[in-house]
PDB file of N, CA and C in Angstrom:
ATOM      1  N   MET A   1      19.650  14.493 -38.639  1.00  0.00           N
ATOM      2  CA  MET A   1      20.355  13.465 -38.245  1.00  0.00           C
ATOM      3  C   MET A   1      22.052  13.970 -38.476  1.00  0.00           C
ATOM      4  N   ASP A   2      22.553  13.768 -37.547  1.00  0.00           N
ATOM      5  CA  ASP A   2      24.058  14.212 -37.221  1.00  0.00           C
ATOM      6  C   ASP A   2      25.113  12.722 -38.350  1.00  0.00           C
ATOM      7  N   LYS A   3      25.881  13.546 -39.633  1.00  0.00           N
ATOM      8  CA  LYS A   3      25.605  12.169 -40.080  1.00  0.00           C
ATOM      9  C   LYS A   3      27.051  11.229 -39.547  1.00  0.00           C
ATOM     10  N   GLU A   4      27.420  11.865 -38.626  1.00  0.00           N
ATOM     11  CA  GLU A   4      29.308  11.653 -38.497  1.00  0.00           C
ATOM     12  C   GLU A   4      28.961  10.466 -37.190  1.00  0.00           C
ATOM     13  N   LYS A   5      27.947  11.943 -36.077  1.00  0.00           N
ATOM     14  CA  LYS A   5      27.180  10.291 -35.201  1.00  0.00           C
ATOM     15  C   LYS A   5      27.172   9.857 -35.682  1.00  0.00           C
ATOM     16  N   ALA A   6      25.752   9.373 -36.772  1.00  0.00           N
ATOM     17  CA  ALA A   6      25.787   7.965 -37.414  1.00  0.00           C
ATOM     18  C   ALA A   6      27.306   6.820 -37.769  1.00  0.00           C
ATOM     19  N   GLN A   7      27.549   7.048 -38.614  1.00  0.00           N
ATOM     20  CA  GLN A   7      28.524   6.186 -38.031  1.00  0.00           C
ATOM     21  C   GLN A   7      29.310   5.726 -37.948  1.00  0.00           C
ATOM     22  N   LYS A   8      29.535   6.963 -36.779  1.00  0.00           N
ATOM     23  CA  LYS A   8      30.009   6.362 -34.721  1.00  0.00           C
ATOM     24  C   LYS A   8      29.306   5.017 -34.322  1.00  0.00           C
ATOM     25  N   VAL A   9      27.999   5.660 -34.607  1.00  0.00           N
ATOM     26  CA  VAL A   9      27.113   4.666 -33.741  1.00  0.00           C
ATOM     27  C   VAL A   9      27.328   3.297 -34.928  1.00  0.00           C
ATOM     28  N   ARG A  10      27.044   3.118 -36.376  1.00  0.00           N
ATOM     29  CA  ARG A  10      27.358   2.477 -36.873  1.00  0.00           C
ATOM     30  C   ARG A  10      28.468   1.466 -35.851  1.00  0.00           C
ATOM     31  N   GLU A  11      29.348   1.938 -37.096  1.00  0.00           N
ATOM     32  CA  GLU A  11      30.780   1.730 -35.971  1.00  0.00           C
ATOM     33  C   GLU A  11      31.497   1.280 -34.884  1.00  0.00           C
ATOM     34  N   ALA A  12      30.368   1.478 -33.572  1.00  0.00           N
ATOM     35  CA  ALA A  12      29.972   0.447 -32.549  1.00  0.00           C
ATOM     36  C   ALA A  12      29.391  -0.582 -32.676  1.00  0.00           C
ATOM     37  N   ILE A  13      28.463  -0.855 -33.328  1.00  0.00           N
ATOM     38  CA  ILE A  13      27.580  -1.735 -33.308  1.00  0.00           C
ATOM     39  C   ILE A  13      28.415  -2.470 -34.361  1.00  0.00           C
ATOM     40  N   ALA A  14      28.619  -2.902 -35.263  1.00  0.00           N
ATOM     41  CA  ALA A  14      30.135  -3.808 -36.299  1.00  0.00           C
ATOM     42  C   ALA A  14      30.798  -3.973 -35.484  1.00  0.00           C
ATOM     43  N   GLU A  15      32.025  -3.362 -34.721  1.00  0.00           N
ATOM     44  CA  GLU A  15      32.680  -3.460 -33.383  1.00  0.00           C
ATOM     45  C   GLU A  15      31.695  -4.384 -32.852  1.00  0.00           C
ATOM     46  N   VAL A  16      30.490  -4.748 -31.708  1.00  0.00           N
ATOM     47  CA  VAL A  16      30.005  -5.242 -31.246  1.00  0.00           C
ATOM     48  C   VAL A  16      29.432  -6.685 -31.679  1.00  0.00           C
ATOM     49  N   VAL A  17      28.812  -6.136 -32.628  1.00  0.00           N
ATOM     50  CA  VAL A  17      28.537  -7.385 -33.449  1.00  0.00           C
ATOM     51  C   VAL A  17      30.194  -8.000 -34.199  1.00  0.00           C
ATOM     52  N   GLY A  18      30.220  -8.361 -34.759  1.00  0.00           N
ATOM     53  CA  GLY A  18      31.497  -8.773 -34.982  1.00  0.00           C
ATOM     54  C   GLY A  18      31.160  -8.853 -37.268  1.00  0.00           C
ATOM     55  N   PHE A  19      30.972  -7.784 -36.721  1.00  0.00           N
ATOM     56  CA  PHE A  19      30.433  -7.177 -38.983  1.00  0.00           C
ATOM     57  C   PHE A  19      31.462  -6.498 -38.730  1.00  0.00           C
ATOM     58  N   GLU A  20      31.267  -5.473 -40.652  1.00  0.00           N
ATOM     59  CA  GLU A  20      31.722  -4.882 -40.870  1.00  0.00           C
ATOM     60  C   GLU A  20      31.672  -4.079 -41.104  1.00  0.00           C
ATOM     61  N   VAL A  21      31.674  -3.148 -40.900  1.00  0.00           N
ATOM     62  CA  VAL A  21      31.145  -1.771 -41.113  1.00  0.00           C
ATOM     63  C   VAL A  21      29.622  -1.117 -42.818  1.00  0.00           C
ATOM     64  N   ASN A  22      30.390  -1.544 -43.417  1.00  0.00           N
ATOM     65  CA  ASN A  22      29.814  -1.560 -44.501  1.00  0.00           C
ATOM     66  C   ASN A  22      29.507  -2.274 -44.615  1.00  0.00           C
ATOM     67  N   GLU A  23      28.688  -4.063 -43.889  1.00  0.00           N
ATOM     68  CA  GLU A  23      27.623  -4.886 -43.930  1.00  0.00           C
ATOM     69  C   GLU A  23      27.171  -4.435 -42.801  1.00  0.00           C
ATOM     70  N   ILE A  24      26.897  -3.509 -42.429  1.00  0.00           N
ATOM     71  CA  ILE A  24      25.556  -2.948 -41.306  1.00  0.00           C
ATOM     72  C   ILE A  24      24.328  -1.703 -41.878  1.00  0.00           C
ATOM     73  N   GLU A  25      23.691  -2.245 -42.304  1.00  0.00           N
ATOM     74  CA  GLU A  25      22.661  -1.778 -43.099  1.00  0.00           C
ATOM     75  C   GLU A  25      21.361  -1.412 -41.878  1.00  0.00           C
ATOM     76  N   ASP A  26      20.608  -0.204 -42.425  1.00  0.00           N
ATOM     77  CA  ASP A  26      19.253  -0.075 -41.407  1.00  0.00           C
ATOM     78  C   ASP A  26      17.879  -1.116 -40.931  1.00  0.00           C
ATOM     79  N   GLY A  27      18.214  -0.772 -41.868  1.00  0.00           N
ATOM     80  CA  GLY A  27      16.812  -2.081 -42.134  1.00  0.00           C
ATOM     81  C   GLY A  27      17.050  -3.891 -40.433  1.00  0.00           C
ATOM     82  N   ASP A  28      18.195  -4.119 -40.509  1.00  0.00           N
ATOM     83  CA  ASP A  28      18.803  -4.792 -39.458  1.00  0.00           C
ATOM     84  C   ASP A  28      18.809  -4.890 -38.501  1.00  0.00           C
ATOM     85  N   ARG A  29      17.892  -6.368 -38.303  1.00  0.00           N
ATOM     86  CA  ARG A  29      17.168  -6.142 -36.177  1.00  0.00           C
ATOM     87  C   ARG A  29      19.064  -7.010 -35.762  1.00  0.00           C
ATOM     88  N   PHE A  30      18.875  -6.983 -34.090  1.00  0.00           N
ATOM     89  CA  PHE A  30      20.072  -7.418 -33.540  1.00  0.00           C
ATOM     90  C   PHE A  30      19.658  -8.353 -33.203  1.00  0.00           C
ATOM     91  N   ILE A  31      18.738  -9.637 -32.646  1.00  0.00           N
ATOM     92  CA  ILE A  31      18.057 -10.438 -32.935  1.00  0.00           C
ATOM     93  C   ILE A  31      18.055 -11.690 -34.136  1.00  0.00           C
ATOM     94  N   THR A  32      17.201 -11.048 -35.013  1.00  0.00           N
ATOM     95  CA  THR A  32      17.286 -11.902 -35.994  1.00  0.00           C
ATOM     96  C   THR A  32      18.612 -11.977 -36.887  1.00  0.00           C
ATOM     97  N   ASP A  33      18.974 -11.679 -37.343  1.00  0.00           N
ATOM     98  CA  ASP A  33      20.191 -11.055 -38.232  1.00  0.00           C
ATOM     99  C   ASP A  33      21.956 -10.947 -37.856  1.00  0.00           C
ATOM    100  N   TYR A  34      22.082 -10.498 -36.198  1.00  0.00           N
ATOM    101  CA  TYR A  34      23.188 -10.229 -36.387  1.00  0.00           C
ATOM    102  C   TYR A  34      22.854 -11.900 -34.454  1.00  0.00           C
ATOM    103  N   ASN A  35      22.033 -12.169 -34.553  1.00  0.00           N
ATOM    104  CA  ASN A  35      22.345 -12.601 -33.277  1.00  0.00           C
ATOM    105  C   ASN A  35      23.045 -12.579 -31.852  1.00  0.00           C
ATOM    106  N   ILE A  36      23.108 -10.976 -32.246  1.00  0.00           N
ATOM    107  CA  ILE A  36      23.257 -11.003 -30.407  1.00  0.00           C
ATOM    108  C   ILE A  36      22.668 -11.138 -29.241  1.00  0.00           C
ATOM    109  N   ALA A  37      23.587 -11.186 -28.176  1.00  0.00           N
ATOM    110  CA  ALA A  37      23.007 -11.970 -26.858  1.00  0.00           C
ATOM    111  C   ALA A  37      22.992 -11.156 -25.835  1.00  0.00           C
ATOM    112  N   TYR A  38      22.796 -11.297 -25.379  1.00  0.00           N
ATOM    113  CA  TYR A  38      22.114 -10.863 -23.377  1.00  0.00           C
ATOM    114  C   TYR A  38      24.088  -9.960 -23.312  1.00  0.00           C
ATOM    115  N   THR A  39      24.461  -9.960 -23.481  1.00  0.00           N
ATOM    116  CA  THR A  39      25.842  -8.927 -22.881  1.00  0.00           C
ATOM    117  C   THR A  39      26.245  -8.609 -23.594  1.00  0.00           C
ATOM    118  N   GLU A  40      26.197  -8.664 -25.311  1.00  0.00           N
ATOM    119  CA  GLU A  40      26.617  -8.298 -26.482  1.00  0.00           C
ATOM    120  C   GLU A  40      25.918  -7.290 -26.413  1.00  0.00           C
ATOM    121  N   ARG A  41      24.709  -6.879 -26.628  1.00  0.00           N
ATOM    122  CA  ARG A  41      23.659  -5.893 -25.835  1.00  0.00           C
ATOM    123  C   ARG A  41      24.089  -4.785 -24.914  1.00  0.00           C
ATOM    124  N   LYS A  42      24.219  -4.860 -23.853  1.00  0.00           N
ATOM    125  CA  LYS A  42      24.596  -4.507 -23.146  1.00  0.00           C
ATOM    126  C   LYS A  42      26.269  -3.586 -23.008  1.00  0.00           C
ATOM    127  N   ALA A  43      26.335  -4.106 -23.115  1.00  0.00           N
ATOM    128  CA  ALA A  43      28.309  -3.573 -24.130  1.00  0.00           C
ATOM    129  C   ALA A  43      28.151  -2.597 -24.804  1.00  0.00           C
ATOM    130  N   LEU A  44      27.117  -3.010 -26.254  1.00  0.00           N
ATOM    131  CA  LEU A  44      26.819  -1.840 -26.825  1.00  0.00           C
ATOM    132  C   LEU A  44      26.007  -0.482 -26.298  1.00  0.00           C
ATOM    133  N   LEU A  45      25.060  -0.797 -25.209  1.00  0.00           N
ATOM    134  CA  LEU A  45      24.172   0.725 -24.875  1.00  0.00           C
ATOM    135  C   LEU A  45      25.285   1.086 -24.170  1.00  0.00           C
ATOM    136  N   GLU A  46      26.332   0.203 -22.872  1.00  0.00           N
ATOM    137  CA  GLU A  46      27.532   1.311 -22.122  1.00  0.00           C
ATOM    138  C   GLU A  46      27.618   1.157 -23.094  1.00  0.00           C
ATOM    139  N   ARG A  47      28.907   1.207 -24.814  1.00  0.00           N
ATOM    140  CA  ARG A  47      29.675   2.306 -25.080  1.00  0.00           C
ATOM    141  C   ARG A  47      28.665   3.067 -25.444  1.00  0.00           C
ATOM    142  N   LEU A  48      28.019   2.864 -26.092  1.00  0.00           N
ATOM    143  CA  LEU A  48      26.709   4.069 -26.993  1.00  0.00           C
ATOM    144  C   LEU A  48      26.145   5.636 -26.009  1.00  0.00           C
ATOM    145  N   ASN A  49      26.266   4.763 -24.367  1.00  0.00           N
ATOM    146  CA  ASN A  49      25.574   5.913 -24.119  1.00  0.00           C
ATOM    147  C   ASN A  49      27.224   6.283 -22.650  1.00  0.00           C
ATOM    148  N   THR A  50      28.034   6.055 -22.672  1.00  0.00           N
ATOM    149  CA  THR A  50      28.941   6.633 -22.866  1.00  0.00           C
ATOM    150  C   THR A  50      29.630   7.374 -23.689  1.00  0.00           C
ATOM    151  N   GLU A  51      29.741   7.426 -25.379  1.00  0.00           N
ATOM    152  CA  GLU A  51      29.901   7.812 -26.307  1.00  0.00           C
ATOM    153  C   GLU A  51      29.775   8.751 -26.298  1.00  0.00           C
ATOM    154  N   PHE A  52      27.756   9.197 -26.771  1.00  0.00           N
ATOM    155  CA  PHE A  52      27.114  10.123 -26.731  1.00  0.00           C
ATOM    156  C   PHE A  52      26.631  11.267 -26.038  1.00  0.00           C
ATOM    157  N   GLY A  53      26.994  10.037 -24.923  1.00  0.00           N
ATOM    158  CA  GLY A  53      26.240  11.302 -23.506  1.00  0.00           C
ATOM    159  C   GLY A  53      24.962  11.074 -23.422  1.00  0.00           C
ATOM    160  N   LYS A  54      24.527   9.891 -22.935  1.00  0.00           N
ATOM    161  CA  LYS A  54      23.054   9.681 -23.482  1.00  0.00           C
ATOM    162  C   LYS A  54      22.879   8.576 -22.398  1.00  0.00           C
ATOM    163  N   ASP A  55      22.515   8.806 -21.321  1.00  0.00           N
ATOM    164  CA  ASP A  55      21.446   7.520 -20.043  1.00  0.00           C
ATOM    165  C   ASP A  55      20.277   6.839 -19.862  1.00  0.00           C
ATOM    166  N   LEU A  56      20.338   6.068 -21.486  1.00  0.00           N
ATOM    167  CA  LEU A  56      19.348   5.040 -22.330  1.00  0.00           C
ATOM    168  C   LEU A  56      18.369   3.942 -21.245  1.00  0.00           C
ATOM    169  N   ASP A  57      17.986   3.580 -20.517  1.00  0.00           N
ATOM    170  CA  ASP A  57      18.717   2.617 -19.438  1.00  0.00           C
ATOM    171  C   ASP A  57      17.929   1.420 -21.039  1.00  0.00           C
ATOM    172  N   PHE A  58      18.347   0.125 -19.758  1.00  0.00           N
ATOM    173  CA  PHE A  58      17.952  -1.112 -21.128  1.00  0.00           C
ATOM    174  C   PHE A  58      16.947  -2.063 -21.380  1.00  0.00           C
ATOM    175  N   THR A  59      15.808  -1.708 -21.038  1.00  0.00           N
ATOM    176  CA  THR A  59      14.694  -2.395 -21.350  1.00  0.00           C
ATOM    177  C   THR A  59      14.717  -0.749 -22.455  1.00  0.00           C
ATOM    178  N   THR A  60      14.596  -0.610 -22.334  1.00  0.00           N
ATOM    179  CA  THR A  60      14.130   1.138 -23.826  1.00  0.00           C
ATOM    180  C   THR A  60      15.321   0.643 -24.388  1.00  0.00           C
ATOM    181  N   PHE A  61      16.158   0.219 -24.431  1.00  0.00           N
ATOM    182  CA  PHE A  61      17.567   0.363 -25.834  1.00  0.00           C
ATOM    183  C   PHE A  61      16.759  -1.413 -26.123  1.00  0.00           C
ATOM    184  N   CYS A  62      16.320  -2.119 -25.650  1.00  0.00           N
ATOM    185  CA  CYS A  62      15.678  -2.984 -26.115  1.00  0.00           C
ATOM    186  C   CYS A  62      14.848  -3.276 -27.079  1.00  0.00           C
ATOM    187  N   ALA A  63      14.101  -1.798 -26.856  1.00  0.00           N
ATOM    188  CA  ALA A  63      12.608  -1.703 -27.415  1.00  0.00           C
ATOM    189  C   ALA A  63      13.503  -1.565 -29.233  1.00  0.00           C
ATOM    190  N   LEU A  64      14.963  -1.208 -29.035  1.00  0.00           N
ATOM    191  CA  LEU A  64      15.175  -0.593 -30.772  1.00  0.00           C
ATOM    192  C   LEU A  64      15.330  -1.723 -30.623  1.00  0.00           C
ATOM    193  N   GLU A  65      15.003  -2.051 -32.063  1.00  0.00           N
ATOM    194  CA  GLU A  65      15.179  -3.554 -32.602  1.00  0.00           C
ATOM    195  C   GLU A  65      16.187  -3.614 -33.474  1.00  0.00           C
ATOM    196  N   ASP A  66      15.850  -2.608 -34.787  1.00  0.00           N
ATOM    197  CA  ASP A  66      16.990  -2.352 -35.479  1.00  0.00           C
ATOM    198  C   ASP A  66      17.945  -1.921 -36.085  1.00  0.00           C
ATOM    199  N   VAL A  67      19.185  -1.050 -36.608  1.00  0.00           N
ATOM    200  CA  VAL A  67      20.277  -1.055 -36.172  1.00  0.00           C
ATOM    201  C   VAL A  67      19.562   0.974 -36.964  1.00  0.00           C
ATOM    202  N   SER A  68      18.347   1.092 -36.899  1.00  0.00           N
ATOM    203  CA  SER A  68      17.786   2.922 -37.822  1.00  0.00           C
ATOM    204  C   SER A  68      17.678   3.382 -36.237  1.00  0.00           C
ATOM    205  N   SER A  69      16.719   2.475 -35.567  1.00  0.00           N
ATOM    206  CA  SER A  69      15.655   2.775 -34.945  1.00  0.00           C
ATOM    207  C   SER A  69      17.194   4.046 -33.402  1.00  0.00           C
ATOM    208  N   VAL A  70      18.710   2.290 -33.191  1.00  0.00           N
ATOM    209  CA  VAL A  70      19.687   3.207 -32.736  1.00  0.00           C
ATOM    210  C   VAL A  70      20.257   3.323 -33.346  1.00  0.00           C
ATOM    211  N   VAL A  71      20.282   3.981 -34.654  1.00  0.00           N
ATOM    212  CA  VAL A  71      20.960   5.728 -35.100  1.00  0.00           C
ATOM    213  C   VAL A  71      20.440   6.604 -35.018  1.00  0.00           C
ATOM    214  N   SER A  72      18.605   6.179 -34.835  1.00  0.00           N
ATOM    215  CA  SER A  72      18.198   7.556 -34.765  1.00  0.00           C
ATOM    216  C   SER A  72      18.487   8.351 -33.402  1.00  0.00           C
ATOM    217  N   THR A  73      18.143   7.329 -33.044  1.00  0.00           N
ATOM    218  CA  THR A  73      17.844   7.406 -30.597  1.00  0.00           C
ATOM    219  C   THR A  73      19.459   7.676 -31.113  1.00  0.00           C
ATOM    220  N   PHE A  74      20.609   7.516 -31.271  1.00  0.00           N
ATOM    221  CA  PHE A  74      22.193   8.383 -30.522  1.00  0.00           C
ATOM    222  C   PHE A  74      23.041   9.437 -31.498  1.00  0.00           C
ATOM    223  N   ALA A  75      21.866   9.611 -33.081  1.00  0.00           N
ATOM    224  CA  ALA A  75      22.262  10.578 -34.008  1.00  0.00           C
ATOM    225  C   ALA A  75      21.852  11.778 -33.826  1.00  0.00           C
ATOM    226  N   ALA A  76      20.733  12.119 -33.167  1.00  0.00           N
ATOM    227  CA  ALA A  76      19.107  12.332 -33.405  1.00  0.00           C
ATOM    228  C   ALA A  76      19.780  14.128 -32.990  1.00  0.00           C
TER     229      ALA A  76
END
């Protein structure tokens, strides 16, 4: 895993959910820990797809329930 990319993923998550990047932990879940709404999740996906040149669909993205799975997907 690319550590620089992983950090950028964490920074994007932190910005969208309104946390500091040092508060973002691998086991954090988007729904239960961040109370992330549909629009925020959609915005995060669009940002990550653009920044990392991916084309992950929203349904697949929603199946990634925690930070570590999103980091793994985008920082691989």
